[in-house]
Amino acid sequence: MAAMDLNIGSLTPAATAALPTSSSAAAVHPRRQHQRPSEPQQHPLDHAKGLLGCKHYRRRCKLVAPCCGEAFWCRHCHNERTAAGEWDPARRHELERSAVREVVCGVCDARQPAAASCAACGVGFGAYSCLRCCFFDDVDRGQWHCADCGICRVGGEHRFFHCETCSCCYSTSLRGNHVCVENSMRSACPVCLEYLFDSVRPTAVLPCGHTIHSECLRECERQRQLSCPVCLRSYADLGALWRRLDAEVAATRMPEEYRRWRVSISCNDCQGGGSVPFHVLGLKCPGCSSYNTRRLGIDRGEEEEEGGEGVEGGEGGGGAGAGERVDGARG
């Protein structure tokens, strides 16, 4: 509809006379003169929105745990009490979200079958409600239900895609740009051992494809542990470190009795291997020049001719990062 321009100068004399003047405004009824415009009434579904809940979620209903029959604001509250806070191992258990069938209204305390709103007082249980997960939230976190994962995710559906091989939702920046590891997210964080698939803490994908909590990864970096805790592959660019080790190896001559020793190695970075000269500072991969290697066996050279054992079985040792850290250089 076009906007209507009320130009008093264009009105007819009769119409102008019908407009209220300053003197006629004083004739308004005294009781109406000071009446305030009525405030818009809040819809019952929005009553107490954002006011109830726990430290994990803002919601207006509690979940009735079928395992113990008690009501909790969320599964994390349940697990903190019955798993982390339970001293008796026989009584420790966690809440399976898909098994929840009942809720308790946070406003009127009515216990009822799980629904999006209260059957007694009509209040909505969450601005976002998913009955498939029995998940409710009054805070906009960009929630959506991933049918492939079978749970609700946060962060905005348009920013993520579901990787069938890894069996989880990853950032779109990783589409075609990550190493797929089957069910990589359906495992425990290699540092804190929390199950990653439904963890609420941010998760990082390493270049090798293994996954770890972002804060656990930062702690590894602070401790100078720069290889994957699962496969030991370097996840940082360590070219400068390898060059420094090259210089130290060249400047450190081994004693005469060790110069004939050869070591069979396996590289944690390129998965290659070979036979390299023994050196106490590190064993360099002949393929990728990394010192992140494992020692498989030692050939002592002349000792073999004298009847000694020429090859020593693998000891699990090796150069920098062999089971320990990748910054094994001194100084």
C-alpha atoms as a PDB file:
ATOM      1  CA  MET A   1       0.000   0.000   0.000  1.00  0.00           C
ATOM      2  CA  ALA A   2       1.393   3.432  -0.914  1.00  0.00           C
ATOM      3  CA  ALA A   3       2.201   5.722   1.965  1.00  0.00           C
ATOM      4  CA  MET A   4      -0.581   8.293   2.602  1.00  0.00           C
ATOM      5  CA  ASP A   5       0.586  11.898   2.947  1.00  0.00           C
ATOM      6  CA  LEU A   6      -1.613  13.830   5.403  1.00  0.00           C
ATOM      7  CA  ASN A   7      -0.956  17.424   4.270  1.00  0.00           C
ATOM      8  CA  ILE A   8      -3.252  19.698   6.233  1.00  0.00           C
ATOM      9  CA  GLY A   9      -2.933  22.441   3.615  1.00  0.00           C
ATOM     10  CA  SER A  10      -4.577  20.182   1.056  1.00  0.00           C
ATOM     11  CA  LEU A  11      -7.614  19.410   3.179  1.00  0.00           C
ATOM     12  CA  THR A  12     -10.921  21.079   2.550  1.00  0.00           C
ATOM     13  CA  PRO A  13     -12.189  23.711   5.046  1.00  0.00           C
ATOM     14  CA  ALA A  14     -14.687  21.234   6.413  1.00  0.00           C
ATOM     15  CA  ALA A  15     -12.052  18.620   6.963  1.00  0.00           C
ATOM     16  CA  THR A  16      -9.711  21.157   8.546  1.00  0.00           C
ATOM     17  CA  ALA A  17     -12.410  22.196  10.974  1.00  0.00           C
ATOM     18  CA  ALA A  18     -12.782  18.562  12.107  1.00  0.00           C
ATOM     19  CA  LEU A  19      -9.144  18.401  13.259  1.00  0.00           C
ATOM     20  CA  PRO A  20      -8.581  18.923  17.005  1.00  0.00           C
ATOM     21  CA  THR A  21      -7.178  22.294  18.018  1.00  0.00           C
ATOM     22  CA  SER A  22      -5.185  23.267  21.078  1.00  0.00           C
ATOM     23  CA  SER A  23      -8.345  24.448  22.827  1.00  0.00           C
ATOM     24  CA  SER A  24     -10.265  21.262  22.044  1.00  0.00           C
ATOM     25  CA  ALA A  25      -7.384  19.102  23.325  1.00  0.00           C
ATOM     26  CA  ALA A  26      -7.964  20.547  26.799  1.00  0.00           C
ATOM     27  CA  ALA A  27     -11.463  19.126  26.711  1.00  0.00           C
ATOM     28  CA  VAL A  28     -10.186  15.520  26.870  1.00  0.00           C
ATOM     29  CA  HIS A  29     -11.631  13.581  29.823  1.00  0.00           C
ATOM     30  CA  PRO A  30      -9.335  13.972  32.868  1.00  0.00           C
ATOM     31  CA  ARG A  31      -9.219  10.212  33.499  1.00  0.00           C
ATOM     32  CA  ARG A  32      -8.048   9.561  29.934  1.00  0.00           C
ATOM     33  CA  GLN A  33      -5.594  12.440  29.855  1.00  0.00           C
ATOM     34  CA  HIS A  34      -3.042  10.642  32.081  1.00  0.00           C
ATOM     35  CA  GLN A  35      -3.750   7.086  30.936  1.00  0.00           C
ATOM     36  CA  ARG A  36      -0.568   5.204  29.879  1.00  0.00           C
ATOM     37  CA  PRO A  37      -0.595   3.000  26.829  1.00  0.00           C
ATOM     38  CA  SER A  38      -1.062  -0.611  27.809  1.00  0.00           C
ATOM     39  CA  GLU A  39       2.114  -2.715  27.717  1.00  0.00           C
ATOM     40  CA  PRO A  40       2.073  -5.677  25.336  1.00  0.00           C
ATOM     41  CA  GLN A  41       1.248  -8.841  27.194  1.00  0.00           C
ATOM     42  CA  GLN A  42       3.877 -11.611  27.151  1.00  0.00           C
ATOM     43  CA  HIS A  43       2.857 -14.756  25.344  1.00  0.00           C
ATOM     44  CA  PRO A  44       2.516 -17.731  27.732  1.00  0.00           C
ATOM     45  CA  LEU A  45       5.119 -19.637  25.727  1.00  0.00           C
ATOM     46  CA  ASP A  46       7.714 -16.927  26.511  1.00  0.00           C
ATOM     47  CA  HIS A  47       7.010 -16.685  30.230  1.00  0.00           C
ATOM     48  CA  ALA A  48      10.224 -16.846  32.318  1.00  0.00           C
ATOM     49  CA  LYS A  49      12.318 -17.169  29.164  1.00  0.00           C
ATOM     50  CA  GLY A  50      16.011 -17.175  29.979  1.00  0.00           C
ATOM     51  CA  LEU A  51      15.411 -17.013  33.742  1.00  0.00           C
ATOM     52  CA  LEU A  52      15.573 -20.699  34.615  1.00  0.00           C
ATOM     53  CA  GLY A  53      18.116 -23.432  34.077  1.00  0.00           C
ATOM     54  CA  CYS A  54      21.612 -24.386  35.175  1.00  0.00           C
ATOM     55  CA  LYS A  55      25.208 -23.384  34.467  1.00  0.00           C
ATOM     56  CA  HIS A  56      25.090 -25.421  31.259  1.00  0.00           C
ATOM     57  CA  TYR A  57      21.756 -24.368  29.689  1.00  0.00           C
ATOM     58  CA  ARG A  58      18.937 -21.845  30.116  1.00  0.00           C
ATOM     59  CA  ARG A  59      15.696 -23.825  29.911  1.00  0.00           C
ATOM     60  CA  ARG A  60      12.327 -24.075  31.622  1.00  0.00           C
ATOM     61  CA  CYS A  61      12.032 -27.773  32.329  1.00  0.00           C
ATOM     62  CA  LYS A  62      13.986 -30.500  34.046  1.00  0.00           C
ATOM     63  CA  LEU A  63      14.699 -33.921  32.552  1.00  0.00           C
ATOM     64  CA  VAL A  64      13.522 -36.969  34.455  1.00  0.00           C
ATOM     65  CA  ALA A  65      16.360 -39.477  34.331  1.00  0.00           C
ATOM     66  CA  PRO A  66      14.908 -42.936  33.657  1.00  0.00           C
ATOM     67  CA  CYS A  67      17.947 -44.545  35.278  1.00  0.00           C
ATOM     68  CA  CYS A  68      17.355 -43.073  38.740  1.00  0.00           C
ATOM     69  CA  GLY A  69      13.941 -41.353  38.506  1.00  0.00           C
ATOM     70  CA  GLU A  70      15.271 -37.959  39.611  1.00  0.00           C
ATOM     71  CA  ALA A  71      14.830 -34.645  37.789  1.00  0.00           C
ATOM     72  CA  PHE A  72      17.857 -32.649  36.591  1.00  0.00           C
ATOM     73  CA  TRP A  73      18.140 -29.472  34.508  1.00  0.00           C
ATOM     74  CA  CYS A  74      20.332 -31.304  31.967  1.00  0.00           C
ATOM     75  CA  ARG A  75      22.350 -34.469  31.403  1.00  0.00           C
ATOM     76  CA  HIS A  76      25.549 -32.730  32.479  1.00  0.00           C
ATOM     77  CA  CYS A  77      24.053 -31.895  35.883  1.00  0.00           C
ATOM     78  CA  HIS A  78      23.014 -35.539  36.196  1.00  0.00           C
ATOM     79  CA  ASN A  79      26.437 -36.864  35.193  1.00  0.00           C
ATOM     80  CA  GLU A  80      28.295 -34.501  37.527  1.00  0.00           C
ATOM     81  CA  ARG A  81      26.352 -35.908  40.441  1.00  0.00           C
ATOM     82  CA  THR A  82      25.998 -39.578  39.507  1.00  0.00           C
ATOM     83  CA  ALA A  83      29.297 -40.147  37.697  1.00  0.00           C
ATOM     84  CA  ALA A  84      31.986 -37.641  38.634  1.00  0.00           C
ATOM     85  CA  GLY A  85      30.542 -36.993  42.104  1.00  0.00           C
ATOM     86  CA  GLU A  86      29.673 -40.579  43.065  1.00  0.00           C
ATOM     87  CA  TRP A  87      32.283 -42.278  45.245  1.00  0.00           C
ATOM     88  CA  ASP A  88      30.825 -45.772  44.787  1.00  0.00           C
ATOM     89  CA  PRO A  89      31.922 -47.136  41.353  1.00  0.00           C
ATOM     90  CA  ALA A  90      28.966 -49.523  41.305  1.00  0.00           C
ATOM     91  CA  ARG A  91      26.515 -46.605  41.392  1.00  0.00           C
ATOM     92  CA  ARG A  92      28.213 -44.413  38.778  1.00  0.00           C
ATOM     93  CA  HIS A  93      26.214 -43.957  35.588  1.00  0.00           C
ATOM     94  CA  GLU A  94      25.451 -41.385  32.901  1.00  0.00           C
ATOM     95  CA  LEU A  95      22.177 -40.145  31.442  1.00  0.00           C
ATOM     96  CA  GLU A  96      21.301 -41.336  27.958  1.00  0.00           C
ATOM     97  CA  ARG A  97      19.508 -38.368  26.419  1.00  0.00           C
ATOM     98  CA  SER A  98      17.487 -40.448  23.949  1.00  0.00           C
ATOM     99  CA  ALA A  99      16.013 -42.466  26.829  1.00  0.00           C
ATOM    100  CA  VAL A 100      14.348 -39.447  28.496  1.00  0.00           C
ATOM    101  CA  ARG A 101      10.556 -39.695  28.296  1.00  0.00           C
ATOM    102  CA  GLU A 102       9.384 -37.305  31.020  1.00  0.00           C
ATOM    103  CA  VAL A 103      10.096 -33.716  32.058  1.00  0.00           C
ATOM    104  CA  VAL A 104       9.176 -31.496  34.997  1.00  0.00           C
ATOM    105  CA  CYS A 105       8.013 -27.948  34.260  1.00  0.00           C
ATOM    106  CA  GLY A 106      10.334 -25.397  35.845  1.00  0.00           C
ATOM    107  CA  VAL A 107       7.466 -22.921  36.339  1.00  0.00           C
ATOM    108  CA  CYS A 108       4.566 -24.978  37.732  1.00  0.00           C
ATOM    109  CA  ASP A 109       6.501 -28.143  38.709  1.00  0.00           C
ATOM    110  CA  ALA A 110       4.139 -30.408  36.743  1.00  0.00           C
ATOM    111  CA  ARG A 111       5.608 -33.779  35.774  1.00  0.00           C
ATOM    112  CA  GLN A 112       4.520 -34.837  32.296  1.00  0.00           C
ATOM    113  CA  PRO A 113       5.558 -36.600  29.075  1.00  0.00           C
ATOM    114  CA  ALA A 114       8.271 -34.770  27.144  1.00  0.00           C
ATOM    115  CA  ALA A 115       6.847 -31.993  24.938  1.00  0.00           C
ATOM    116  CA  ALA A 116       7.767 -28.553  23.635  1.00  0.00           C
ATOM    117  CA  SER A 117       5.518 -26.772  26.156  1.00  0.00           C
ATOM    118  CA  CYS A 118       3.887 -27.462  29.502  1.00  0.00           C
ATOM    119  CA  ALA A 119       0.534 -29.232  29.379  1.00  0.00           C
ATOM    120  CA  ALA A 120      -0.476 -27.555  32.666  1.00  0.00           C
ATOM    121  CA  CYS A 121       0.571 -23.886  32.442  1.00  0.00           C
ATOM    122  CA  GLY A 122       1.377 -23.588  28.721  1.00  0.00           C
ATOM    123  CA  VAL A 123       4.904 -22.242  29.175  1.00  0.00           C
ATOM    124  CA  GLY A 124       7.420 -23.108  26.484  1.00  0.00           C
ATOM    125  CA  PHE A 125      10.315 -25.239  27.674  1.00  0.00           C
ATOM    126  CA  GLY A 126      12.834 -23.589  25.384  1.00  0.00           C
ATOM    127  CA  ALA A 127      13.166 -21.109  22.536  1.00  0.00           C
ATOM    128  CA  TYR A 128      14.738 -24.088  20.748  1.00  0.00           C
ATOM    129  CA  SER A 129      13.174 -27.490  21.367  1.00  0.00           C
ATOM    130  CA  CYS A 130      14.098 -30.850  19.859  1.00  0.00           C
ATOM    131  CA  LEU A 131      11.955 -33.748  21.019  1.00  0.00           C
ATOM    132  CA  ARG A 132      14.134 -36.286  19.208  1.00  0.00           C
ATOM    133  CA  CYS A 133      16.999 -35.405  21.575  1.00  0.00           C
ATOM    134  CA  CYS A 134      14.808 -34.086  24.398  1.00  0.00           C
ATOM    135  CA  PHE A 135      16.920 -30.945  24.198  1.00  0.00           C
ATOM    136  CA  PHE A 136      15.699 -27.467  25.181  1.00  0.00           C
ATOM    137  CA  ASP A 137      17.555 -24.139  25.186  1.00  0.00           C
ATOM    138  CA  ASP A 138      16.492 -20.531  25.653  1.00  0.00           C
ATOM    139  CA  VAL A 139      19.806 -19.164  24.343  1.00  0.00           C
ATOM    140  CA  ASP A 140      20.291 -18.839  20.590  1.00  0.00           C
ATOM    141  CA  ARG A 141      23.407 -20.892  19.822  1.00  0.00           C
ATOM    142  CA  GLY A 142      22.575 -21.660  16.202  1.00  0.00           C
ATOM    143  CA  GLN A 143      21.203 -25.076  17.165  1.00  0.00           C
ATOM    144  CA  TRP A 144      20.116 -27.674  14.635  1.00  0.00           C
ATOM    145  CA  HIS A 145      19.480 -31.401  14.686  1.00  0.00           C
ATOM    146  CA  CYS A 146      21.867 -33.471  12.567  1.00  0.00           C
ATOM    147  CA  ALA A 147      20.028 -36.577  11.433  1.00  0.00           C
ATOM    148  CA  ASP A 148      23.306 -38.342  10.597  1.00  0.00           C
ATOM    149  CA  CYS A 149      24.852 -37.656  14.007  1.00  0.00           C
ATOM    150  CA  GLY A 150      21.521 -38.316  15.722  1.00  0.00           C
ATOM    151  CA  ILE A 151      21.981 -35.379  18.112  1.00  0.00           C
ATOM    152  CA  CYS A 152      21.653 -31.596  18.142  1.00  0.00           C
ATOM    153  CA  ARG A 153      24.661 -29.468  17.249  1.00  0.00           C
ATOM    154  CA  VAL A 154      25.376 -25.769  17.805  1.00  0.00           C
ATOM    155  CA  GLY A 155      27.174 -23.115  15.789  1.00  0.00           C
ATOM    156  CA  GLY A 156      24.868 -22.741  12.772  1.00  0.00           C
ATOM    157  CA  GLU A 157      23.997 -25.499  10.328  1.00  0.00           C
ATOM    158  CA  HIS A 158      25.292 -23.484   7.345  1.00  0.00           C
ATOM    159  CA  ARG A 159      28.784 -23.463   8.852  1.00  0.00           C
ATOM    160  CA  PHE A 160      29.139 -27.243   9.099  1.00  0.00           C
ATOM    161  CA  PHE A 161      28.904 -30.391   6.996  1.00  0.00           C
ATOM    162  CA  HIS A 162      28.616 -34.032   8.007  1.00  0.00           C
ATOM    163  CA  CYS A 163      31.589 -36.223   7.078  1.00  0.00           C
ATOM    164  CA  GLU A 164      30.335 -39.750   6.502  1.00  0.00           C
ATOM    165  CA  THR A 165      33.731 -41.383   7.107  1.00  0.00           C
ATOM    166  CA  CYS A 166      34.606 -39.458  10.250  1.00  0.00           C
ATOM    167  CA  SER A 167      30.942 -39.771  11.320  1.00  0.00           C
ATOM    168  CA  CYS A 168      30.660 -36.244  12.673  1.00  0.00           C
ATOM    169  CA  CYS A 169      29.913 -32.643  11.712  1.00  0.00           C
ATOM    170  CA  TYR A 170      33.006 -30.626  10.771  1.00  0.00           C
ATOM    171  CA  SER A 171      33.486 -26.977   9.849  1.00  0.00           C
ATOM    172  CA  THR A 172      32.972 -26.258   6.150  1.00  0.00           C
ATOM    173  CA  SER A 173      36.598 -25.083   6.045  1.00  0.00           C
ATOM    174  CA  LEU A 174      37.570 -28.766   6.397  1.00  0.00           C
ATOM    175  CA  ARG A 175      35.468 -29.985   3.478  1.00  0.00           C
ATOM    176  CA  GLY A 176      37.943 -31.791   1.220  1.00  0.00           C
ATOM    177  CA  ASN A 177      40.714 -30.398   3.407  1.00  0.00           C
ATOM    178  CA  HIS A 178      41.213 -33.026   6.105  1.00  0.00           C
ATOM    179  CA  VAL A 179      42.408 -36.615   6.466  1.00  0.00           C
ATOM    180  CA  CYS A 180      39.428 -38.892   7.087  1.00  0.00           C
ATOM    181  CA  VAL A 181      39.757 -41.370   9.945  1.00  0.00           C
ATOM    182  CA  GLU A 182      36.829 -43.726  10.357  1.00  0.00           C
ATOM    183  CA  ASN A 183      34.724 -42.739  13.384  1.00  0.00           C
ATOM    184  CA  SER A 184      37.456 -40.359  14.530  1.00  0.00           C
ATOM    185  CA  MET A 185      35.067 -38.411  16.761  1.00  0.00           C
ATOM    186  CA  ARG A 186      33.515 -41.492  18.346  1.00  0.00           C
ATOM    187  CA  SER A 187      36.465 -41.882  20.684  1.00  0.00           C
ATOM    188  CA  ALA A 188      37.913 -40.329  23.816  1.00  0.00           C
ATOM    189  CA  CYS A 189      40.119 -37.256  23.808  1.00  0.00           C
ATOM    190  CA  PRO A 190      43.675 -38.665  24.013  1.00  0.00           C
ATOM    191  CA  VAL A 191      44.538 -36.139  26.740  1.00  0.00           C
ATOM    192  CA  CYS A 192      41.552 -35.797  29.110  1.00  0.00           C
ATOM    193  CA  LEU A 193      39.744 -39.006  27.998  1.00  0.00           C
ATOM    194  CA  GLU A 194      36.325 -37.302  27.663  1.00  0.00           C
ATOM    195  CA  TYR A 195      34.152 -38.794  24.914  1.00  0.00           C
ATOM    196  CA  LEU A 196      34.443 -36.383  21.991  1.00  0.00           C
ATOM    197  CA  PHE A 197      31.308 -37.122  19.967  1.00  0.00           C
ATOM    198  CA  ASP A 198      28.849 -35.370  22.259  1.00  0.00           C
ATOM    199  CA  SER A 199      31.267 -33.167  24.175  1.00  0.00           C
ATOM    200  CA  VAL A 200      30.231 -29.530  24.560  1.00  0.00           C
ATOM    201  CA  ARG A 201      33.862 -28.381  24.443  1.00  0.00           C
ATOM    202  CA  PRO A 202      35.397 -27.288  21.096  1.00  0.00           C
ATOM    203  CA  THR A 203      37.338 -29.980  19.239  1.00  0.00           C
ATOM    204  CA  ALA A 204      40.304 -29.687  16.864  1.00  0.00           C
ATOM    205  CA  VAL A 205      41.159 -31.974  13.943  1.00  0.00           C
ATOM    206  CA  LEU A 206      44.891 -32.641  13.577  1.00  0.00           C
ATOM    207  CA  PRO A 207      46.594 -32.986  10.155  1.00  0.00           C
ATOM    208  CA  CYS A 208      46.745 -36.753  10.700  1.00  0.00           C
ATOM    209  CA  GLY A 209      42.938 -36.865  11.085  1.00  0.00           C
ATOM    210  CA  HIS A 210      42.811 -37.628  14.799  1.00  0.00           C
ATOM    211  CA  THR A 211      40.745 -35.398  17.052  1.00  0.00           C
ATOM    212  CA  ILE A 212      41.421 -33.716  20.378  1.00  0.00           C
ATOM    213  CA  HIS A 213      39.845 -31.012  22.535  1.00  0.00           C
ATOM    214  CA  SER A 214      41.062 -27.572  21.473  1.00  0.00           C
ATOM    215  CA  GLU A 215      42.028 -26.648  25.033  1.00  0.00           C
ATOM    216  CA  CYS A 216      43.887 -29.957  25.441  1.00  0.00           C
ATOM    217  CA  LEU A 217      45.761 -29.214  22.213  1.00  0.00           C
ATOM    218  CA  ARG A 218      46.746 -25.782  23.529  1.00  0.00           C
ATOM    219  CA  GLU A 219      48.036 -27.409  26.704  1.00  0.00           C
ATOM    220  CA  CYS A 220      50.129 -29.809  24.590  1.00  0.00           C
ATOM    221  CA  GLU A 221      51.601 -26.826  22.763  1.00  0.00           C
ATOM    222  CA  ARG A 222      52.444 -25.124  26.055  1.00  0.00           C
ATOM    223  CA  GLN A 223      54.240 -28.300  27.111  1.00  0.00           C
ATOM    224  CA  ARG A 224      56.060 -28.425  23.747  1.00  0.00           C
ATOM    225  CA  GLN A 225      54.372 -31.713  22.867  1.00  0.00           C
ATOM    226  CA  LEU A 226      54.009 -31.081  19.132  1.00  0.00           C
ATOM    227  CA  SER A 227      53.098 -34.547  17.905  1.00  0.00           C
ATOM    228  CA  CYS A 228      49.728 -36.289  17.841  1.00  0.00           C
ATOM    229  CA  PRO A 229      49.167 -38.185  21.115  1.00  0.00           C
ATOM    230  CA  VAL A 230      47.645 -41.064  19.100  1.00  0.00           C
ATOM    231  CA  CYS A 231      49.984 -41.643  16.135  1.00  0.00           C
ATOM    232  CA  LEU A 232      52.938 -39.356  17.077  1.00  0.00           C
ATOM    233  CA  ARG A 233      52.820 -37.528  13.742  1.00  0.00           C
ATOM    234  CA  SER A 234      53.979 -33.897  13.965  1.00  0.00           C
ATOM    235  CA  TYR A 235      51.074 -31.460  13.710  1.00  0.00           C
ATOM    236  CA  ALA A 236      53.227 -28.298  13.533  1.00  0.00           C
ATOM    237  CA  ASP A 237      55.782 -27.083  11.003  1.00  0.00           C
ATOM    238  CA  LEU A 238      59.056 -28.201  12.596  1.00  0.00           C
ATOM    239  CA  GLY A 239      61.373 -27.476   9.662  1.00  0.00           C
ATOM    240  CA  ALA A 240      63.374 -24.938  11.685  1.00  0.00           C
ATOM    241  CA  LEU A 241      63.847 -27.453  14.499  1.00  0.00           C
ATOM    242  CA  TRP A 242      65.040 -30.144  12.093  1.00  0.00           C
ATOM    243  CA  ARG A 243      67.575 -27.743  10.559  1.00  0.00           C
ATOM    244  CA  ARG A 244      68.861 -26.861  14.007  1.00  0.00           C
ATOM    245  CA  LEU A 245      69.265 -30.554  14.762  1.00  0.00           C
ATOM    246  CA  ASP A 246      71.121 -30.990  11.463  1.00  0.00           C
ATOM    247  CA  ALA A 247      73.647 -28.379  12.606  1.00  0.00           C
ATOM    248  CA  GLU A 248      74.046 -29.957  16.044  1.00  0.00           C
ATOM    249  CA  VAL A 249      74.510 -33.449  14.605  1.00  0.00           C
ATOM    250  CA  ALA A 250      77.139 -32.161  12.177  1.00  0.00           C
ATOM    251  CA  ALA A 251      78.969 -30.404  15.018  1.00  0.00           C
ATOM    252  CA  THR A 252      78.916 -33.441  17.328  1.00  0.00           C
ATOM    253  CA  ARG A 253      81.229 -36.242  16.170  1.00  0.00           C
ATOM    254  CA  MET A 254      80.448 -39.660  17.541  1.00  0.00           C
ATOM    255  CA  PRO A 255      83.278 -41.673  19.168  1.00  0.00           C
ATOM    256  CA  GLU A 256      85.124 -44.077  16.858  1.00  0.00           C
ATOM    257  CA  GLU A 257      83.453 -47.205  18.276  1.00  0.00           C
ATOM    258  CA  TYR A 258      79.969 -45.893  17.290  1.00  0.00           C
ATOM    259  CA  ARG A 259      80.708 -44.604  13.798  1.00  0.00           C
ATOM    260  CA  ARG A 260      80.001 -47.914  12.073  1.00  0.00           C
ATOM    261  CA  TRP A 261      76.664 -48.393  13.796  1.00  0.00           C
ATOM    262  CA  ARG A 262      73.560 -48.316  11.586  1.00  0.00           C
ATOM    263  CA  VAL A 263      70.043 -47.999  12.890  1.00  0.00           C
ATOM    264  CA  SER A 264      66.826 -49.203  11.272  1.00  0.00           C
ATOM    265  CA  ILE A 265      64.140 -46.541  11.792  1.00  0.00           C
ATOM    266  CA  SER A 266      60.478 -45.861  11.110  1.00  0.00           C
ATOM    267  CA  CYS A 267      59.337 -42.281  10.569  1.00  0.00           C
ATOM    268  CA  ASN A 268      56.270 -41.066  12.453  1.00  0.00           C
ATOM    269  CA  ASP A 269      55.731 -38.225   9.969  1.00  0.00           C
ATOM    270  CA  CYS A 270      55.949 -39.864   6.521  1.00  0.00           C
ATOM    271  CA  GLN A 271      55.553 -43.507   7.606  1.00  0.00           C
ATOM    272  CA  GLY A 272      58.749 -44.280   5.701  1.00  0.00           C
ATOM    273  CA  GLY A 273      61.892 -45.849   7.040  1.00  0.00           C
ATOM    274  CA  GLY A 274      65.395 -46.992   6.281  1.00  0.00           C
ATOM    275  CA  SER A 275      68.869 -47.520   7.718  1.00  0.00           C
ATOM    276  CA  VAL A 276      70.667 -44.409   9.027  1.00  0.00           C
ATOM    277  CA  PRO A 277      73.909 -43.710  10.950  1.00  0.00           C
ATOM    278  CA  PHE A 278      73.552 -43.895  14.706  1.00  0.00           C
ATOM    279  CA  HIS A 279      73.719 -40.595  16.572  1.00  0.00           C
ATOM    280  CA  VAL A 280      72.815 -39.774  20.155  1.00  0.00           C
ATOM    281  CA  LEU A 281      71.107 -36.485  19.215  1.00  0.00           C
ATOM    282  CA  GLY A 282      68.590 -37.938  16.798  1.00  0.00           C
ATOM    283  CA  LEU A 283      67.917 -40.278  13.898  1.00  0.00           C
ATOM    284  CA  LYS A 284      67.012 -38.439  10.713  1.00  0.00           C
ATOM    285  CA  CYS A 285      64.465 -39.869   8.266  1.00  0.00           C
ATOM    286  CA  PRO A 286      66.084 -40.220   4.817  1.00  0.00           C
ATOM    287  CA  GLY A 287      62.722 -39.578   3.165  1.00  0.00           C
ATOM    288  CA  CYS A 288      61.313 -36.396   4.726  1.00  0.00           C
ATOM    289  CA  SER A 289      64.308 -35.183   6.824  1.00  0.00           C
ATOM    290  CA  SER A 290      62.263 -35.383  10.029  1.00  0.00           C
ATOM    291  CA  TYR A 291      63.821 -36.437  13.318  1.00  0.00           C
ATOM    292  CA  ASN A 292      60.446 -37.645  14.594  1.00  0.00           C
ATOM    293  CA  THR A 293      61.479 -41.293  14.210  1.00  0.00           C
ATOM    294  CA  ARG A 294      61.420 -44.607  16.073  1.00  0.00           C
ATOM    295  CA  ARG A 295      64.369 -46.964  16.390  1.00  0.00           C
ATOM    296  CA  LEU A 296      63.634 -50.511  15.234  1.00  0.00           C
ATOM    297  CA  GLY A 297      67.059 -52.146  15.475  1.00  0.00           C
ATOM    298  CA  ILE A 298      70.837 -51.552  15.561  1.00  0.00           C
ATOM    299  CA  ASP A 299      73.534 -53.023  13.347  1.00  0.00           C
ATOM    300  CA  ARG A 300      76.865 -52.693  15.192  1.00  0.00           C
ATOM    301  CA  GLY A 301      79.047 -53.306  12.151  1.00  0.00           C
ATOM    302  CA  GLU A 302      82.404 -54.779  13.232  1.00  0.00           C
ATOM    303  CA  GLU A 303      80.915 -56.556  16.233  1.00  0.00           C
ATOM    304  CA  GLU A 304      79.045 -58.809  13.814  1.00  0.00           C
ATOM    305  CA  GLU A 305      82.349 -59.970  12.280  1.00  0.00           C
ATOM    306  CA  GLU A 306      83.706 -60.759  15.752  1.00  0.00           C
ATOM    307  CA  GLY A 307      80.802 -63.058  16.473  1.00  0.00           C
ATOM    308  CA  GLY A 308      78.679 -60.667  18.488  1.00  0.00           C
ATOM    309  CA  GLU A 309      75.020 -60.028  17.804  1.00  0.00           C
ATOM    310  CA  GLY A 310      74.979 -57.741  14.804  1.00  0.00           C
ATOM    311  CA  VAL A 311      71.386 -56.566  15.054  1.00  0.00           C
ATOM    312  CA  GLU A 312      69.656 -55.540  18.250  1.00  0.00           C
ATOM    313  CA  GLY A 313      65.914 -55.881  18.420  1.00  0.00           C
ATOM    314  CA  GLY A 314      63.692 -52.838  18.423  1.00  0.00           C
ATOM    315  CA  GLU A 315      63.644 -50.968  21.683  1.00  0.00           C
ATOM    316  CA  GLY A 316      60.983 -48.418  20.857  1.00  0.00           C
ATOM    317  CA  GLY A 317      63.542 -45.632  21.143  1.00  0.00           C
ATOM    318  CA  GLY A 318      64.581 -43.263  18.405  1.00  0.00           C
ATOM    319  CA  GLY A 319      65.154 -39.677  17.548  1.00  0.00           C
ATOM    320  CA  ALA A 320      63.261 -36.599  18.588  1.00  0.00           C
ATOM    321  CA  GLY A 321      59.623 -37.285  19.349  1.00  0.00           C
ATOM    322  CA  ALA A 322      59.981 -41.070  19.524  1.00  0.00           C
ATOM    323  CA  GLY A 323      57.319 -41.731  22.073  1.00  0.00           C
ATOM    324  CA  GLU A 324      58.154 -38.544  23.957  1.00  0.00           C
ATOM    325  CA  ARG A 325      58.478 -35.082  22.424  1.00  0.00           C
ATOM    326  CA  VAL A 326      59.537 -33.735  19.074  1.00  0.00           C
ATOM    327  CA  ASP A 327      61.717 -30.987  20.497  1.00  0.00           C
ATOM    328  CA  GLY A 328      64.412 -33.222  21.903  1.00  0.00           C
ATOM    329  CA  ALA A 329      67.252 -30.876  20.874  1.00  0.00           C
ATOM    330  CA  ARG A 330      69.386 -29.549  23.675  1.00  0.00           C
ATOM    331  CA  GLY A 331      69.601 -25.899  24.533  1.00  0.00           C
END
